[in-house]
Amino acid sequence: MGEIRCLNETGDTKLAWDPDKSEETDAAKEMFKSLKKKGYQAYSVKKGGEKNKPIDDFDPDAGLIIMVPKIVGG
């Protein structure tokens, strides 16, 4: 199972998918693409403790993808 967690104005939005189910994977990919277009940065967290790393493309085999809006300094 994979999961996207999106930190946004409503809190923590989650979407899980099974990589073996194309409908679920397609929905997760569309969410990923939509958030990237809005300027969100994506980080992949692999199972087994591998550290977060920025990603630019959807990975259906990712254990967890965290989407974070760009932070504006000031």
Protein backbone atom coordinates (compact mmCIF):
# COMPACT_ATOMS: atom_id res chain seq x y z
CA MET A 1 0.00 0.00 0.00
CA GLY A 2 1.06 3.53 -0.69
CA GLU A 3 -0.15 6.76 0.85
CA ILE A 4 -0.03 10.45 0.01
CA ARG A 5 -0.26 12.84 2.94
CA CYS A 6 -0.87 16.45 2.02
CA LEU A 7 -0.32 19.24 4.54
CA ASN A 8 -2.73 22.04 3.62
CA GLU A 9 -5.10 24.65 4.99
CA THR A 10 -7.54 21.94 6.14
CA GLY A 11 -4.90 19.95 8.02
CA ASP A 12 -3.55 16.60 6.90
CA THR A 13 -5.32 15.10 3.87
CA LYS A 14 -4.60 11.42 3.15
CA LEU A 15 -5.06 9.23 0.09
CA ALA A 16 -4.07 5.55 0.11
CA TRP A 17 -3.65 3.31 -2.92
CA ASP A 18 -2.86 -0.29 -3.72
CA PRO A 19 -0.19 -0.42 -6.49
CA ASP A 20 -1.94 -3.51 -7.89
CA LYS A 21 -5.20 -1.58 -8.45
CA SER A 22 -4.95 0.75 -11.43
CA GLU A 23 -7.96 2.90 -10.43
CA GLU A 24 -6.42 3.68 -7.03
CA THR A 25 -2.97 4.27 -8.51
CA ASP A 26 -4.40 6.58 -11.20
CA ALA A 27 -6.28 8.61 -8.55
CA ALA A 28 -3.11 9.00 -6.47
CA LYS A 29 -1.09 10.01 -9.54
CA GLU A 30 -3.69 12.66 -10.45
CA MET A 31 -3.65 14.05 -6.90
CA PHE A 32 0.17 14.15 -7.03
CA LYS A 33 0.20 15.96 -10.40
CA SER A 34 -2.47 18.44 -9.28
CA LEU A 35 -0.55 19.35 -6.12
CA LYS A 36 2.75 19.68 -8.01
CA LYS A 37 1.05 22.14 -10.40
CA LYS A 38 0.02 24.19 -7.35
CA GLY A 39 3.68 24.38 -6.26
CA TYR A 40 3.76 21.64 -3.62
CA GLN A 41 7.04 19.82 -2.97
CA ALA A 42 6.89 16.04 -2.72
CA TYR A 43 9.03 13.85 -0.46
CA SER A 44 9.27 10.07 -0.66
CA VAL A 45 9.59 8.08 2.55
CA LYS A 46 10.46 4.45 1.89
CA LYS A 47 9.55 1.65 4.26
CA GLY A 48 12.45 0.47 6.36
CA GLY A 49 13.55 3.90 7.51
CA GLU A 50 15.13 5.32 4.35
CA LYS A 51 15.34 9.09 4.76
CA ASN A 52 12.98 11.49 3.04
CA LYS A 53 14.08 12.58 -0.39
CA PRO A 54 12.51 15.14 -2.72
CA ILE A 55 10.81 13.67 -5.78
CA ASP A 56 9.41 15.26 -8.93
CA ASP A 57 7.55 12.26 -10.36
CA PHE A 58 4.88 10.03 -8.85
CA ASP A 59 6.25 6.70 -7.60
CA PRO A 60 3.49 4.07 -7.27
CA ASP A 61 5.82 1.89 -5.20
CA ALA A 62 6.54 4.60 -2.63
CA GLY A 63 5.56 3.65 0.88
CA LEU A 64 4.62 7.23 1.72
CA ILE A 65 4.64 10.51 -0.20
CA ILE A 66 4.41 13.72 1.81
CA MET A 67 3.24 16.82 -0.07
CA VAL A 68 4.14 20.19 1.45
CA PRO A 69 3.22 23.65 0.13
CA LYS A 70 6.10 25.98 -0.62
CA ILE A 71 6.94 28.17 2.34
CA VAL A 72 7.23 31.88 1.67
CA GLY A 73 9.69 33.77 3.82
CA GLY A 74 9.31 37.33 4.84
